[in-house]
Amino acid sequence: MNPNTLRNHLTLLDANTAISREDFETHFCKTAERITFTFNGWDGKSYDGESRSGYVYRTTIEGYEDVRFIKVGKGLHYIDEDSDIIEKATGIAHKEAEWLVDVKRA
């Protein structure tokens, strides 16, 4: 399933760009798994594939249990498992993170 279709299972706010903190805590949980990923430039910084690390979140929504998510700041992103980006400085390939929704403050 396409992770973007997951948005149809969430209650979207703010012109369909955000979910409530309560919705986030109901449907997503932080795991002990960590991942190194890249935003591949759309964050305004990682134009050469510079990587970041973060904890993986999983969802309880049926059909999306195997999708890996990360939360950076207010943004909830999914890991595009089909997108390997080479970090120019190291030559190591990392998965690309794609924006899904923002999470509103409590």
PDB file of N, CA and C in Angstrom:
ATOM      1  N   MET A   1       0.834  -1.189   0.000  1.00  0.00           N
ATOM      2  CA  MET A   1       0.000   0.000   0.000  1.00  0.00           C
ATOM      3  C   MET A   1       0.875   1.247   0.000  1.00  0.00           C
ATOM      4  N   ASN A   2       0.432   2.260  -0.665  1.00  0.00           N
ATOM      5  CA  ASN A   2       1.129   3.534  -0.714  1.00  0.00           C
ATOM      6  C   ASN A   2       0.944   4.263   0.621  1.00  0.00           C
ATOM      7  N   PRO A   3       2.034   4.629   1.288  1.00  0.00           N
ATOM      8  CA  PRO A   3       1.895   5.313   2.578  1.00  0.00           C
ATOM      9  C   PRO A   3       1.079   6.594   2.504  1.00  0.00           C
ATOM     10  N   ASN A   4       1.087   7.276   1.371  1.00  0.00           N
ATOM     11  CA  ASN A   4       0.289   8.497   1.264  1.00  0.00           C
ATOM     12  C   ASN A   4      -1.202   8.219   1.391  1.00  0.00           C
ATOM     13  N   THR A   5      -1.658   7.017   1.040  1.00  0.00           N
ATOM     14  CA  THR A   5      -3.076   6.693   1.207  1.00  0.00           C
ATOM     15  C   THR A   5      -3.425   6.525   2.686  1.00  0.00           C
ATOM     16  N   LEU A   6      -2.409   6.408   3.522  1.00  0.00           N
ATOM     17  CA  LEU A   6      -2.641   6.353   4.965  1.00  0.00           C
ATOM     18  C   LEU A   6      -3.339   7.625   5.440  1.00  0.00           C
ATOM     19  N   ARG A   7      -3.083   8.726   4.779  1.00  0.00           N
ATOM     20  CA  ARG A   7      -3.714   9.997   5.141  1.00  0.00           C
ATOM     21  C   ARG A   7      -5.237   9.876   5.150  1.00  0.00           C
ATOM     22  N   ASN A   8      -5.801   9.006   4.306  1.00  0.00           N
ATOM     23  CA  ASN A   8      -7.251   8.815   4.254  1.00  0.00           C
ATOM     24  C   ASN A   8      -7.800   8.185   5.530  1.00  0.00           C
ATOM     25  N   HIS A   9      -6.930   7.571   6.344  1.00  0.00           N
ATOM     26  CA  HIS A   9      -7.347   6.916   7.583  1.00  0.00           C
ATOM     27  C   HIS A   9      -7.194   7.833   8.799  1.00  0.00           C
ATOM     28  N   LEU A  10      -6.683   9.032   8.572  1.00  0.00           N
ATOM     29  CA  LEU A  10      -6.429   9.968   9.665  1.00  0.00           C
ATOM     30  C   LEU A  10      -7.409  11.131   9.597  1.00  0.00           C
ATOM     31  N   THR A  11      -7.650  11.752  10.733  1.00  0.00           N
ATOM     32  CA  THR A  11      -8.485  12.947  10.785  1.00  0.00           C
ATOM     33  C   THR A  11      -7.573  14.144  10.550  1.00  0.00           C
ATOM     34  N   LEU A  12      -7.643  14.708   9.361  1.00  0.00           N
ATOM     35  CA  LEU A  12      -6.741  15.782   8.968  1.00  0.00           C
ATOM     36  C   LEU A  12      -7.277  17.152   9.376  1.00  0.00           C
ATOM     37  N   LEU A  13      -6.370  18.017   9.815  1.00  0.00           N
ATOM     38  CA  LEU A  13      -6.680  19.378  10.251  1.00  0.00           C
ATOM     39  C   LEU A  13      -5.827  20.355   9.446  1.00  0.00           C
ATOM     40  N   ASP A  14      -6.042  21.634   9.637  1.00  0.00           N
ATOM     41  CA  ASP A  14      -5.208  22.685   9.025  1.00  0.00           C
ATOM     42  C   ASP A  14      -5.016  22.467   7.519  1.00  0.00           C
ATOM     43  N   ALA A  15      -6.104  22.563   6.781  1.00  0.00           N
ATOM     44  CA  ALA A  15      -6.069  22.401   5.316  1.00  0.00           C
ATOM     45  C   ALA A  15      -5.478  21.048   4.919  1.00  0.00           C
ATOM     46  N   ASN A  16      -5.827  20.018   5.686  1.00  0.00           N
ATOM     47  CA  ASN A  16      -5.405  18.636   5.422  1.00  0.00           C
ATOM     48  C   ASN A  16      -3.893  18.427   5.491  1.00  0.00           C
ATOM     49  N   THR A  17      -3.218  19.183   6.352  1.00  0.00           N
ATOM     50  CA  THR A  17      -1.768  19.042   6.469  1.00  0.00           C
ATOM     51  C   THR A  17      -1.307  18.525   7.822  1.00  0.00           C
ATOM     52  N   ALA A  18      -2.219  18.372   8.790  1.00  0.00           N
ATOM     53  CA  ALA A  18      -1.806  18.002  10.145  1.00  0.00           C
ATOM     54  C   ALA A  18      -2.814  17.059  10.789  1.00  0.00           C
ATOM     55  N   ILE A  19      -2.333  16.388  11.838  1.00  0.00           N
ATOM     56  CA  ILE A  19      -3.204  15.580  12.687  1.00  0.00           C
ATOM     57  C   ILE A  19      -3.021  16.055  14.122  1.00  0.00           C
ATOM     58  N   SER A  20      -3.977  15.732  14.970  1.00  0.00           N
ATOM     59  CA  SER A  20      -3.870  16.132  16.370  1.00  0.00           C
ATOM     60  C   SER A  20      -2.829  15.268  17.075  1.00  0.00           C
ATOM     61  N   ARG A  21      -2.314  15.767  18.170  1.00  0.00           N
ATOM     62  CA  ARG A  21      -1.373  15.004  18.996  1.00  0.00           C
ATOM     63  C   ARG A  21      -2.052  13.722  19.472  1.00  0.00           C
ATOM     64  N   GLU A  22      -3.320  13.813  19.838  1.00  0.00           N
ATOM     65  CA  GLU A  22      -4.073  12.647  20.311  1.00  0.00           C
ATOM     66  C   GLU A  22      -4.166  11.583  19.213  1.00  0.00           C
ATOM     67  N   ASP A  23      -4.453  11.995  17.986  1.00  0.00           N
ATOM     68  CA  ASP A  23      -4.521  11.064  16.855  1.00  0.00           C
ATOM     69  C   ASP A  23      -3.163  10.395  16.638  1.00  0.00           C
ATOM     70  N   PHE A  24      -2.087  11.181  16.731  1.00  0.00           N
ATOM     71  CA  PHE A  24      -0.739  10.643  16.582  1.00  0.00           C
ATOM     72  C   PHE A  24      -0.450   9.591  17.650  1.00  0.00           C
ATOM     73  N   GLU A  25      -0.730   9.918  18.912  1.00  0.00           N
ATOM     74  CA  GLU A  25      -0.448   8.989  20.000  1.00  0.00           C
ATOM     75  C   GLU A  25      -1.334   7.757  19.963  1.00  0.00           C
ATOM     76  N   THR A  26      -2.509   7.865  19.371  1.00  0.00           N
ATOM     77  CA  THR A  26      -3.412   6.714  19.239  1.00  0.00           C
ATOM     78  C   THR A  26      -2.925   5.741  18.178  1.00  0.00           C
ATOM     79  N   HIS A  27      -2.420   6.259  17.074  1.00  0.00           N
ATOM     80  CA  HIS A  27      -2.108   5.424  15.917  1.00  0.00           C
ATOM     81  C   HIS A  27      -0.633   5.097  15.703  1.00  0.00           C
ATOM     82  N   PHE A  28       0.270   5.790  16.394  1.00  0.00           N
ATOM     83  CA  PHE A  28       1.695   5.586  16.162  1.00  0.00           C
ATOM     84  C   PHE A  28       2.420   5.351  17.480  1.00  0.00           C
ATOM     85  N   CYS A  29       3.413   4.465  17.450  1.00  0.00           N
ATOM     86  CA  CYS A  29       4.207   4.230  18.656  1.00  0.00           C
ATOM     87  C   CYS A  29       5.690   4.148  18.282  1.00  0.00           C
ATOM     88  N   LYS A  30       6.504   4.718  19.153  1.00  0.00           N
ATOM     89  CA  LYS A  30       7.945   4.734  18.974  1.00  0.00           C
ATOM     90  C   LYS A  30       8.500   3.359  19.294  1.00  0.00           C
ATOM     91  N   THR A  31       9.463   2.909  18.508  1.00  0.00           N
ATOM     92  CA  THR A  31      10.106   1.615  18.744  1.00  0.00           C
ATOM     93  C   THR A  31      11.559   1.847  19.160  1.00  0.00           C
ATOM     94  N   ALA A  32      12.236   0.788  19.501  1.00  0.00           N
ATOM     95  CA  ALA A  32      13.662   0.864  19.838  1.00  0.00           C
ATOM     96  C   ALA A  32      14.526   0.851  18.577  1.00  0.00           C
ATOM     97  N   GLU A  33      13.926   0.558  17.431  1.00  0.00           N
ATOM     98  CA  GLU A  33      14.649   0.499  16.157  1.00  0.00           C
ATOM     99  C   GLU A  33      15.083   1.906  15.733  1.00  0.00           C
ATOM    100  N   ARG A  34      16.301   2.007  15.236  1.00  0.00           N
ATOM    101  CA  ARG A  34      16.806   3.289  14.723  1.00  0.00           C
ATOM    102  C   ARG A  34      17.102   3.137  13.234  1.00  0.00           C
ATOM    103  N   ILE A  35      17.033   4.257  12.523  1.00  0.00           N
ATOM    104  CA  ILE A  35      17.316   4.253  11.097  1.00  0.00           C
ATOM    105  C   ILE A  35      18.120   5.490  10.739  1.00  0.00           C
ATOM    106  N   THR A  36      19.023   5.340   9.788  1.00  0.00           N
ATOM    107  CA  THR A  36      19.731   6.477   9.206  1.00  0.00           C
ATOM    108  C   THR A  36      19.063   6.759   7.872  1.00  0.00           C
ATOM    109  N   PHE A  37      18.684   8.010   7.658  1.00  0.00           N
ATOM    110  CA  PHE A  37      17.894   8.385   6.486  1.00  0.00           C
ATOM    111  C   PHE A  37      18.353   9.741   5.974  1.00  0.00           C
ATOM    112  N   THR A  38      17.821  10.150   4.834  1.00  0.00           N
ATOM    113  CA  THR A  38      18.091  11.472   4.285  1.00  0.00           C
ATOM    114  C   THR A  38      16.790  12.110   3.817  1.00  0.00           C
ATOM    115  N   PHE A  39      16.742  13.432   3.864  1.00  0.00           N
ATOM    116  CA  PHE A  39      15.621  14.166   3.284  1.00  0.00           C
ATOM    117  C   PHE A  39      15.925  14.521   1.822  1.00  0.00           C
ATOM    118  N   ASN A  40      17.137  14.281   1.368  1.00  0.00           N
ATOM    119  CA  ASN A  40      17.552  14.481  -0.020  1.00  0.00           C
ATOM    120  C   ASN A  40      17.283  15.896  -0.521  1.00  0.00           C
ATOM    121  N   GLY A  41      17.509  16.889   0.319  1.00  0.00           N
ATOM    122  CA  GLY A  41      17.448  18.273  -0.123  1.00  0.00           C
ATOM    123  C   GLY A  41      16.166  19.019   0.152  1.00  0.00           C
ATOM    124  N   TRP A  42      15.050  18.339   0.298  1.00  0.00           N
ATOM    125  CA  TRP A  42      13.809  19.098   0.469  1.00  0.00           C
ATOM    126  C   TRP A  42      13.712  19.754   1.837  1.00  0.00           C
ATOM    127  N   ASP A  43      14.617  19.429   2.745  1.00  0.00           N
ATOM    128  CA  ASP A  43      14.658  20.110   4.038  1.00  0.00           C
ATOM    129  C   ASP A  43      15.486  21.395   3.968  1.00  0.00           C
ATOM    130  N   GLY A  44      16.025  21.689   2.782  1.00  0.00           N
ATOM    131  CA  GLY A  44      16.843  22.883   2.612  1.00  0.00           C
ATOM    132  C   GLY A  44      18.274  22.712   3.063  1.00  0.00           C
ATOM    133  N   LYS A  45      18.674  21.479   3.397  1.00  0.00           N
ATOM    134  CA  LYS A  45      20.021  21.232   3.915  1.00  0.00           C
ATOM    135  C   LYS A  45      20.730  20.070   3.235  1.00  0.00           C
ATOM    136  N   SER A  46      20.044  18.999   2.995  1.00  0.00           N
ATOM    137  CA  SER A  46      20.706  17.734   2.636  1.00  0.00           C
ATOM    138  C   SER A  46      20.785  17.505   1.123  1.00  0.00           C
ATOM    139  N   TYR A  47      21.248  18.517   0.399  1.00  0.00           N
ATOM    140  CA  TYR A  47      21.306  18.434  -1.059  1.00  0.00           C
ATOM    141  C   TYR A  47      22.271  17.363  -1.560  1.00  0.00           C
ATOM    142  N   ASP A  48      23.250  16.998  -0.751  1.00  0.00           N
ATOM    143  CA  ASP A  48      24.204  15.962  -1.136  1.00  0.00           C
ATOM    144  C   ASP A  48      23.937  14.657  -0.401  1.00  0.00           C
ATOM    145  N   GLY A  49      22.688  14.448   0.008  1.00  0.00           N
ATOM    146  CA  GLY A  49      22.296  13.197   0.656  1.00  0.00           C
ATOM    147  C   GLY A  49      22.702  13.089   2.102  1.00  0.00           C
ATOM    148  N   GLU A  50      23.080  14.222   2.741  1.00  0.00           N
ATOM    149  CA  GLU A  50      23.497  14.173   4.142  1.00  0.00           C
ATOM    150  C   GLU A  50      22.443  13.451   4.967  1.00  0.00           C
ATOM    151  N   SER A  51      22.925  12.597   5.854  1.00  0.00           N
ATOM    152  CA  SER A  51      22.011  11.716   6.587  1.00  0.00           C
ATOM    153  C   SER A  51      21.745  12.216   7.998  1.00  0.00           C
ATOM    154  N   ARG A  52      20.672  11.692   8.543  1.00  0.00           N
ATOM    155  CA  ARG A  52      20.265  11.912   9.935  1.00  0.00           C
ATOM    156  C   ARG A  52      19.866  10.557  10.489  1.00  0.00           C
ATOM    157  N   SER A  53      19.807  10.460  11.791  1.00  0.00           N
ATOM    158  CA  SER A  53      19.358   9.230  12.435  1.00  0.00           C
ATOM    159  C   SER A  53      18.147   9.528  13.299  1.00  0.00           C
ATOM    160  N   GLY A  54      17.296   8.539  13.460  1.00  0.00           N
ATOM    161  CA  GLY A  54      16.133   8.719  14.308  1.00  0.00           C
ATOM    162  C   GLY A  54      15.497   7.394  14.660  1.00  0.00           C
ATOM    163  N   TYR A  55      14.583   7.462  15.609  1.00  0.00           N
ATOM    164  CA  TYR A  55      13.844   6.270  16.005  1.00  0.00           C
ATOM    165  C   TYR A  55      12.707   6.013  15.034  1.00  0.00           C
ATOM    166  N   VAL A  56      12.447   4.758  14.805  1.00  0.00           N
ATOM    167  CA  VAL A  56      11.355   4.343  13.925  1.00  0.00           C
ATOM    168  C   VAL A  56      10.060   4.304  14.727  1.00  0.00           C
ATOM    169  N   TYR A  57       9.006   4.794  14.115  1.00  0.00           N
ATOM    170  CA  TYR A  57       7.656   4.686  14.655  1.00  0.00           C
ATOM    171  C   TYR A  57       6.904   3.689  13.793  1.00  0.00           C
ATOM    172  N   ARG A  58       5.965   2.985  14.392  1.00  0.00           N
ATOM    173  CA  ARG A  58       5.080   2.056  13.671  1.00  0.00           C
ATOM    174  C   ARG A  58       3.646   2.469  13.921  1.00  0.00           C
ATOM    175  N   THR A  59       2.766   2.048  13.032  1.00  0.00           N
ATOM    176  CA  THR A  59       1.353   2.378  13.189  1.00  0.00           C
ATOM    177  C   THR A  59       0.538   1.118  13.447  1.00  0.00           C
ATOM    178  N   THR A  60      -0.602   1.314  14.068  1.00  0.00           N
ATOM    179  CA  THR A  60      -1.530   0.220  14.338  1.00  0.00           C
ATOM    180  C   THR A  60      -2.616   0.145  13.279  1.00  0.00           C
ATOM    181  N   ILE A  61      -2.592   1.039  12.300  1.00  0.00           N
ATOM    182  CA  ILE A  61      -3.614   1.057  11.255  1.00  0.00           C
ATOM    183  C   ILE A  61      -3.383  -0.125  10.317  1.00  0.00           C
ATOM    184  N   GLU A  62      -4.423  -0.919  10.139  1.00  0.00           N
ATOM    185  CA  GLU A  62      -4.335  -2.148   9.351  1.00  0.00           C
ATOM    186  C   GLU A  62      -3.844  -1.869   7.935  1.00  0.00           C
ATOM    187  N   GLY A  63      -2.884  -2.686   7.514  1.00  0.00           N
ATOM    188  CA  GLY A  63      -2.318  -2.577   6.182  1.00  0.00           C
ATOM    189  C   GLY A  63      -1.044  -1.753   6.123  1.00  0.00           C
ATOM    190  N   TYR A  64      -0.736  -1.036   7.190  1.00  0.00           N
ATOM    191  CA  TYR A  64       0.438  -0.167   7.219  1.00  0.00           C
ATOM    192  C   TYR A  64       1.423  -0.547   8.320  1.00  0.00           C
ATOM    193  N   GLU A  65       1.243  -1.710   8.916  1.00  0.00           N
ATOM    194  CA  GLU A  65       2.074  -2.128  10.048  1.00  0.00           C
ATOM    195  C   GLU A  65       3.555  -2.265   9.681  1.00  0.00           C
ATOM    196  N   ASP A  66       3.871  -2.530   8.423  1.00  0.00           N
ATOM    197  CA  ASP A  66       5.261  -2.720   8.011  1.00  0.00           C
ATOM    198  C   ASP A  66       5.942  -1.437   7.542  1.00  0.00           C
ATOM    199  N   VAL A  67       5.199  -0.347   7.452  1.00  0.00           N
ATOM    200  CA  VAL A  67       5.774   0.920   7.018  1.00  0.00           C
ATOM    201  C   VAL A  67       6.546   1.542   8.185  1.00  0.00           C
ATOM    202  N   ARG A  68       7.749   2.037   7.882  1.00  0.00           N
ATOM    203  CA  ARG A  68       8.546   2.708   8.906  1.00  0.00           C
ATOM    204  C   ARG A  68       8.308   4.216   8.811  1.00  0.00           C
ATOM    205  N   PHE A  69       8.104   4.830   9.961  1.00  0.00           N
ATOM    206  CA  PHE A  69       7.881   6.268  10.053  1.00  0.00           C
ATOM    207  C   PHE A  69       8.936   6.868  10.962  1.00  0.00           C
ATOM    208  N   ILE A  70       9.225   8.148  10.769  1.00  0.00           N
ATOM    209  CA  ILE A  70      10.081   8.891  11.676  1.00  0.00           C
ATOM    210  C   ILE A  70       9.392  10.215  11.978  1.00  0.00           C
ATOM    211  N   LYS A  71       9.696  10.765  13.124  1.00  0.00           N
ATOM    212  CA  LYS A  71       9.151  12.069  13.485  1.00  0.00           C
ATOM    213  C   LYS A  71      10.327  13.005  13.720  1.00  0.00           C
ATOM    214  N   VAL A  72      10.363  14.092  12.959  1.00  0.00           N
ATOM    215  CA  VAL A  72      11.408  15.100  13.088  1.00  0.00           C
ATOM    216  C   VAL A  72      10.702  16.430  13.298  1.00  0.00           C
ATOM    217  N   GLY A  73      10.916  17.026  14.463  1.00  0.00           N
ATOM    218  CA  GLY A  73      10.187  18.247  14.789  1.00  0.00           C
ATOM    219  C   GLY A  73       8.704  17.954  14.817  1.00  0.00           C
ATOM    220  N   LYS A  74       7.927  18.769  14.129  1.00  0.00           N
ATOM    221  CA  LYS A  74       6.489  18.528  14.085  1.00  0.00           C
ATOM    222  C   LYS A  74       6.090  17.607  12.939  1.00  0.00           C
ATOM    223  N   GLY A  75       7.021  17.251  12.065  1.00  0.00           N
ATOM    224  CA  GLY A  75       6.707  16.460  10.881  1.00  0.00           C
ATOM    225  C   GLY A  75       6.779  14.961  11.103  1.00  0.00           C
ATOM    226  N   LEU A  76       5.773  14.272  10.607  1.00  0.00           N
ATOM    227  CA  LEU A  76       5.770  12.814  10.581  1.00  0.00           C
ATOM    228  C   LEU A  76       6.055  12.410   9.145  1.00  0.00           C
ATOM    229  N   HIS A  77       7.067  11.587   8.957  1.00  0.00           N
ATOM    230  CA  HIS A  77       7.538  11.200   7.630  1.00  0.00           C
ATOM    231  C   HIS A  77       7.535   9.680   7.514  1.00  0.00           C
ATOM    232  N   TYR A  78       7.394   9.187   6.299  1.00  0.00           N
ATOM    233  CA  TYR A  78       7.527   7.751   6.076  1.00  0.00           C
ATOM    234  C   TYR A  78       8.812   7.490   5.314  1.00  0.00           C
ATOM    235  N   ILE A  79       9.358   6.313   5.514  1.00  0.00           N
ATOM    236  CA  ILE A  79      10.586   5.912   4.834  1.00  0.00           C
ATOM    237  C   ILE A  79      10.207   5.280   3.501  1.00  0.00           C
ATOM    238  N   ASP A  80      10.743   5.842   2.426  1.00  0.00           N
ATOM    239  CA  ASP A  80      10.513   5.305   1.085  1.00  0.00           C
ATOM    240  C   ASP A  80      11.518   4.171   0.884  1.00  0.00           C
ATOM    241  N   GLU A  81      11.042   2.965   1.042  1.00  0.00           N
ATOM    242  CA  GLU A  81      11.923   1.787   0.974  1.00  0.00           C
ATOM    243  C   GLU A  81      12.502   1.568  -0.422  1.00  0.00           C
ATOM    244  N   ASP A  82      11.922   2.191  -1.444  1.00  0.00           N
ATOM    245  CA  ASP A  82      12.393   2.028  -2.819  1.00  0.00           C
ATOM    246  C   ASP A  82      13.374   3.112  -3.249  1.00  0.00           C
ATOM    247  N   SER A  83      13.710   4.029  -2.347  1.00  0.00           N
ATOM    248  CA  SER A  83      14.560   5.158  -2.698  1.00  0.00           C
ATOM    249  C   SER A  83      15.851   5.132  -1.898  1.00  0.00           C
ATOM    250  N   ASP A  84      16.941   4.742  -2.542  1.00  0.00           N
ATOM    251  CA  ASP A  84      18.255   4.760  -1.919  1.00  0.00           C
ATOM    252  C   ASP A  84      19.018   5.982  -2.441  1.00  0.00           C
ATOM    253  N   ILE A  85      19.451   6.839  -1.540  1.00  0.00           N
ATOM    254  CA  ILE A  85      20.172   8.058  -1.898  1.00  0.00           C
ATOM    255  C   ILE A  85      21.604   7.932  -1.379  1.00  0.00           C
ATOM    256  N   ILE A  86      22.567   8.190  -2.261  1.00  0.00           N
ATOM    257  CA  ILE A  86      23.973   8.108  -1.882  1.00  0.00           C
ATOM    258  C   ILE A  86      24.388   9.411  -1.186  1.00  0.00           C
ATOM    259  N   GLU A  87      24.937   9.275  -0.002  1.00  0.00           N
ATOM    260  CA  GLU A  87      25.483  10.431   0.714  1.00  0.00           C
ATOM    261  C   GLU A  87      26.842  10.740   0.102  1.00  0.00           C
ATOM    262  N   LYS A  88      26.969  11.925  -0.492  1.00  0.00           N
ATOM    263  CA  LYS A  88      28.175  12.295  -1.235  1.00  0.00           C
ATOM    264  C   LYS A  88      29.447  12.183  -0.393  1.00  0.00           C
ATOM    265  N   ALA A  89      29.414  12.605   0.853  1.00  0.00           N
ATOM    266  CA  ALA A  89      30.612  12.615   1.703  1.00  0.00           C
ATOM    267  C   ALA A  89      31.106  11.219   2.064  1.00  0.00           C
ATOM    268  N   THR A  90      30.181  10.260   2.196  1.00  0.00           N
ATOM    269  CA  THR A  90      30.575   8.929   2.661  1.00  0.00           C
ATOM    270  C   THR A  90      30.445   7.841   1.600  1.00  0.00           C
ATOM    271  N   GLY A  91      29.624   8.084   0.581  1.00  0.00           N
ATOM    272  CA  GLY A  91      29.368   7.066  -0.441  1.00  0.00           C
ATOM    273  C   GLY A  91      28.394   5.996   0.015  1.00  0.00           C
ATOM    274  N   ILE A  92      27.794   6.184   1.182  1.00  0.00           N
ATOM    275  CA  ILE A  92      26.852   5.212   1.737  1.00  0.00           C
ATOM    276  C   ILE A  92      25.437   5.575   1.313  1.00  0.00           C
ATOM    277  N   ALA A  93      24.666   4.554   0.945  1.00  0.00           N
ATOM    278  CA  ALA A  93      23.274   4.764   0.538  1.00  0.00           C
ATOM    279  C   ALA A  93      22.357   4.738   1.763  1.00  0.00           C
ATOM    280  N   HIS A  94      21.419   5.680   1.787  1.00  0.00           N
ATOM    281  CA  HIS A  94      20.432   5.758   2.860  1.00  0.00           C
ATOM    282  C   HIS A  94      19.041   5.854   2.245  1.00  0.00           C
ATOM    283  N   LYS A  95      18.058   5.420   2.996  1.00  0.00           N
ATOM    284  CA  LYS A  95      16.665   5.541   2.571  1.00  0.00           C
ATOM    285  C   LYS A  95      16.228   6.997   2.658  1.00  0.00           C
ATOM    286  N   GLU A  96      15.296   7.362   1.787  1.00  0.00           N
ATOM    287  CA  GLU A  96      14.783   8.725   1.778  1.00  0.00           C
ATOM    288  C   GLU A  96      13.519   8.810   2.616  1.00  0.00           C
ATOM    289  N   ALA A  97      13.404   9.896   3.385  1.00  0.00           N
ATOM    290  CA  ALA A  97      12.207  10.154   4.183  1.00  0.00           C
ATOM    291  C   ALA A  97      11.303  11.108   3.409  1.00  0.00           C
ATOM    292  N   GLU A  98      10.016  10.782   3.359  1.00  0.00           N
ATOM    293  CA  GLU A  98       9.024  11.588   2.653  1.00  0.00           C
ATOM    294  C   GLU A  98       8.005  12.103   3.662  1.00  0.00           C
ATOM    295  N   TRP A  99       7.626  13.375   3.558  1.00  0.00           N
ATOM    296  CA  TRP A  99       6.667  13.985   4.478  1.00  0.00           C
ATOM    297  C   TRP A  99       5.297  13.346   4.340  1.00  0.00           C
ATOM    298  N   LEU A 100       4.658  13.110   5.471  1.00  0.00           N
ATOM    299  CA  LEU A 100       3.288  12.579   5.480  1.00  0.00           C
ATOM    300  C   LEU A 100       2.318  13.626   6.034  1.00  0.00           C
ATOM    301  N   VAL A 101       2.499  14.043   7.279  1.00  0.00           N
ATOM    302  CA  VAL A 101       1.672  15.072   7.915  1.00  0.00           C
ATOM    303  C   VAL A 101       2.473  15.738   9.028  1.00  0.00           C
ATOM    304  N   ASP A 102       1.969  16.873   9.476  1.00  0.00           N
ATOM    305  CA  ASP A 102       2.504  17.497  10.675  1.00  0.00           C
ATOM    306  C   ASP A 102       1.669  17.026  11.862  1.00  0.00           C
ATOM    307  N   VAL A 103       2.280  17.052  13.031  1.00  0.00           N
ATOM    308  CA  VAL A 103       1.571  16.678  14.267  1.00  0.00           C
ATOM    309  C   VAL A 103       1.426  17.943  15.103  1.00  0.00           C
ATOM    310  N   LYS A 104       0.187  18.292  15.408  1.00  0.00           N
ATOM    311  CA  LYS A 104      -0.076  19.508  16.194  1.00  0.00           C
ATOM    312  C   LYS A 104       0.375  19.303  17.642  1.00  0.00           C
ATOM    313  N   ARG A 105       0.712  20.382  18.286  1.00  0.00           N
ATOM    314  CA  ARG A 105       1.071  20.323  19.702  1.00  0.00           C
ATOM    315  C   ARG A 105      -0.160  19.994  20.527  1.00  0.00           C
ATOM    316  N   ALA A 106       0.088  19.428  21.696  1.00  0.00           N
ATOM    317  CA  ALA A 106      -1.012  19.041  22.591  1.00  0.00           C
ATOM    318  C   ALA A 106      -1.768  20.245  23.098  1.00  0.00           C
TER     319      ALA A 106
END
